[in-house]
Amino acid sequence: MVIAPEYSLQKQARLVHALCVLHNFIRVHDPDDLDTTIEEELTRIPEPPEQGDFGGSISAAEKEAATSRRDNIAKQMWADYVEYLETRH
């Protein structure tokens, strides 16, 4: 995300509860709306995505660049966390 959410954190938290209420309402008043039961969904084994689902193959250079970027982000996050801990004391 590049910009802050449009809604306050309090409204976002309330949205979760509202969606749960809506979900439960639909389950009670229209149970045939669901294609699967909870038990079926929990026991379903997902199929692994096909390579084409991700836009093709990834070259070794692309994989290395992504790995490097991920590692740099993790290092910066750790450094920020350590700095935060030091300012707390």
C-alpha atoms as a PDB file:
ATOM      1  CA  MET A   1       0.000   0.000   0.000  1.00  0.00           C
ATOM      2  CA  VAL A   2       1.254   3.389  -0.908  1.00  0.00           C
ATOM      3  CA  ILE A   3      -1.360   5.559   0.784  1.00  0.00           C
ATOM      4  CA  ALA A   4      -3.240   5.306   4.070  1.00  0.00           C
ATOM      5  CA  PRO A   5      -6.661   3.630   4.040  1.00  0.00           C
ATOM      6  CA  GLU A   6      -9.626   5.892   3.373  1.00  0.00           C
ATOM      7  CA  TYR A   7     -11.371   4.818   6.580  1.00  0.00           C
ATOM      8  CA  SER A   8     -10.233   5.133  10.184  1.00  0.00           C
ATOM      9  CA  LEU A   9      -8.975   2.062  12.009  1.00  0.00           C
ATOM     10  CA  GLN A  10     -12.092   2.101  14.191  1.00  0.00           C
ATOM     11  CA  LYS A  11     -14.366   1.970  11.128  1.00  0.00           C
ATOM     12  CA  GLN A  12     -12.250  -0.796   9.582  1.00  0.00           C
ATOM     13  CA  ALA A  13     -12.571  -2.857  12.783  1.00  0.00           C
ATOM     14  CA  ARG A  14     -16.339  -2.339  12.811  1.00  0.00           C
ATOM     15  CA  LEU A  15     -16.509  -3.450   9.179  1.00  0.00           C
ATOM     16  CA  VAL A  16     -15.146  -6.884  10.109  1.00  0.00           C
ATOM     17  CA  HIS A  17     -17.958  -7.380  12.610  1.00  0.00           C
ATOM     18  CA  ALA A  18     -20.574  -6.137  10.146  1.00  0.00           C
ATOM     19  CA  LEU A  19     -19.384  -8.600   7.517  1.00  0.00           C
ATOM     20  CA  CYS A  20     -19.516 -11.442  10.051  1.00  0.00           C
ATOM     21  CA  VAL A  21     -23.112 -10.503  10.915  1.00  0.00           C
ATOM     22  CA  LEU A  22     -24.001 -10.397   7.217  1.00  0.00           C
ATOM     23  CA  HIS A  23     -22.357 -13.778   6.650  1.00  0.00           C
ATOM     24  CA  ASN A  24     -24.263 -15.324   9.569  1.00  0.00           C
ATOM     25  CA  PHE A  25     -27.530 -13.780   8.382  1.00  0.00           C
ATOM     26  CA  ILE A  26     -27.099 -15.325   4.941  1.00  0.00           C
ATOM     27  CA  ARG A  27     -26.193 -18.693   6.475  1.00  0.00           C
ATOM     28  CA  VAL A  28     -29.375 -18.666   8.592  1.00  0.00           C
ATOM     29  CA  HIS A  29     -31.828 -17.286   6.025  1.00  0.00           C
ATOM     30  CA  ASP A  30     -30.456 -18.789   2.812  1.00  0.00           C
ATOM     31  CA  PRO A  31     -28.326 -21.842   3.613  1.00  0.00           C
ATOM     32  CA  ASP A  32     -28.649 -23.059   0.010  1.00  0.00           C
ATOM     33  CA  ASP A  33     -26.596 -20.042  -1.075  1.00  0.00           C
ATOM     34  CA  LEU A  34     -23.387 -21.832  -0.146  1.00  0.00           C
ATOM     35  CA  ASP A  35     -21.853 -24.304  -2.560  1.00  0.00           C
ATOM     36  CA  THR A  36     -20.001 -26.216   0.164  1.00  0.00           C
ATOM     37  CA  THR A  37     -20.413 -26.879   3.840  1.00  0.00           C
ATOM     38  CA  ILE A  38     -17.843 -25.800   6.388  1.00  0.00           C
ATOM     39  CA  GLU A  39     -16.766 -29.418   6.837  1.00  0.00           C
ATOM     40  CA  GLU A  40     -16.203 -29.810   3.100  1.00  0.00           C
ATOM     41  CA  GLU A  41     -14.230 -26.587   2.951  1.00  0.00           C
ATOM     42  CA  LEU A  42     -12.027 -27.555   5.897  1.00  0.00           C
ATOM     43  CA  THR A  43     -11.199 -30.967   4.425  1.00  0.00           C
ATOM     44  CA  ARG A  44     -10.667 -29.699   0.870  1.00  0.00           C
ATOM     45  CA  ILE A  45      -7.109 -30.038  -0.355  1.00  0.00           C
ATOM     46  CA  PRO A  46      -6.283 -27.072  -2.570  1.00  0.00           C
ATOM     47  CA  GLU A  47      -4.662 -27.757  -5.884  1.00  0.00           C
ATOM     48  CA  PRO A  48      -1.292 -26.100  -6.408  1.00  0.00           C
ATOM     49  CA  PRO A  49      -1.445 -23.215  -8.869  1.00  0.00           C
ATOM     50  CA  GLU A  50      -0.174 -23.809 -12.354  1.00  0.00           C
ATOM     51  CA  GLN A  51       2.880 -21.917 -13.499  1.00  0.00           C
ATOM     52  CA  GLY A  52       0.783 -19.958 -15.998  1.00  0.00           C
ATOM     53  CA  ASP A  53      -1.302 -18.531 -13.148  1.00  0.00           C
ATOM     54  CA  PHE A  54       1.633 -16.338 -12.193  1.00  0.00           C
ATOM     55  CA  GLY A  55       2.401 -14.933 -15.593  1.00  0.00           C
ATOM     56  CA  GLY A  56       4.940 -17.477 -16.810  1.00  0.00           C
ATOM     57  CA  SER A  57       8.299 -18.701 -15.664  1.00  0.00           C
ATOM     58  CA  ILE A  58      10.687 -16.692 -13.506  1.00  0.00           C
ATOM     59  CA  SER A  59      14.281 -16.379 -14.583  1.00  0.00           C
ATOM     60  CA  ALA A  60      17.143 -16.989 -12.177  1.00  0.00           C
ATOM     61  CA  ALA A  61      18.007 -13.276 -12.302  1.00  0.00           C
ATOM     62  CA  GLU A  62      14.445 -12.289 -11.401  1.00  0.00           C
ATOM     63  CA  LYS A  63      14.387 -14.793  -8.569  1.00  0.00           C
ATOM     64  CA  GLU A  64      17.706 -13.491  -7.226  1.00  0.00           C
ATOM     65  CA  ALA A  65      16.517  -9.876  -7.453  1.00  0.00           C
ATOM     66  CA  ALA A  66      13.304 -10.737  -5.581  1.00  0.00           C
ATOM     67  CA  THR A  67      15.222 -12.651  -2.920  1.00  0.00           C
ATOM     68  CA  SER A  68      17.623  -9.763  -2.464  1.00  0.00           C
ATOM     69  CA  ARG A  69      14.795  -7.253  -2.208  1.00  0.00           C
ATOM     70  CA  ARG A  70      12.960  -9.415   0.337  1.00  0.00           C
ATOM     71  CA  ASP A  71      16.111  -9.799   2.429  1.00  0.00           C
ATOM     72  CA  ASN A  72      16.784  -6.047   2.332  1.00  0.00           C
ATOM     73  CA  ILE A  73      13.222  -5.317   3.455  1.00  0.00           C
ATOM     74  CA  ALA A  74      13.563  -7.817   6.305  1.00  0.00           C
ATOM     75  CA  LYS A  75      16.891  -6.305   7.397  1.00  0.00           C
ATOM     76  CA  GLN A  76      15.424  -2.794   7.388  1.00  0.00           C
ATOM     77  CA  MET A  77      12.390  -3.954   9.345  1.00  0.00           C
ATOM     78  CA  TRP A  78      14.672  -5.578  11.918  1.00  0.00           C
ATOM     79  CA  ALA A  79      16.816  -2.449  12.187  1.00  0.00           C
ATOM     80  CA  ASP A  80      13.682  -0.329  12.677  1.00  0.00           C
ATOM     81  CA  TYR A  81      12.451  -2.722  15.360  1.00  0.00           C
ATOM     82  CA  VAL A  82      15.766  -2.662  17.226  1.00  0.00           C
ATOM     83  CA  GLU A  83      15.804   1.146  17.054  1.00  0.00           C
ATOM     84  CA  TYR A  84      12.241   1.227  18.384  1.00  0.00           C
ATOM     85  CA  LEU A  85      13.193  -1.020  21.306  1.00  0.00           C
ATOM     86  CA  GLU A  86      16.149   1.194  22.148  1.00  0.00           C
ATOM     87  CA  THR A  87      13.967   4.315  22.250  1.00  0.00           C
ATOM     88  CA  ARG A  88      11.509   2.646  24.635  1.00  0.00           C
ATOM     89  CA  HIS A  89      14.095   2.276  27.407  1.00  0.00           C
END
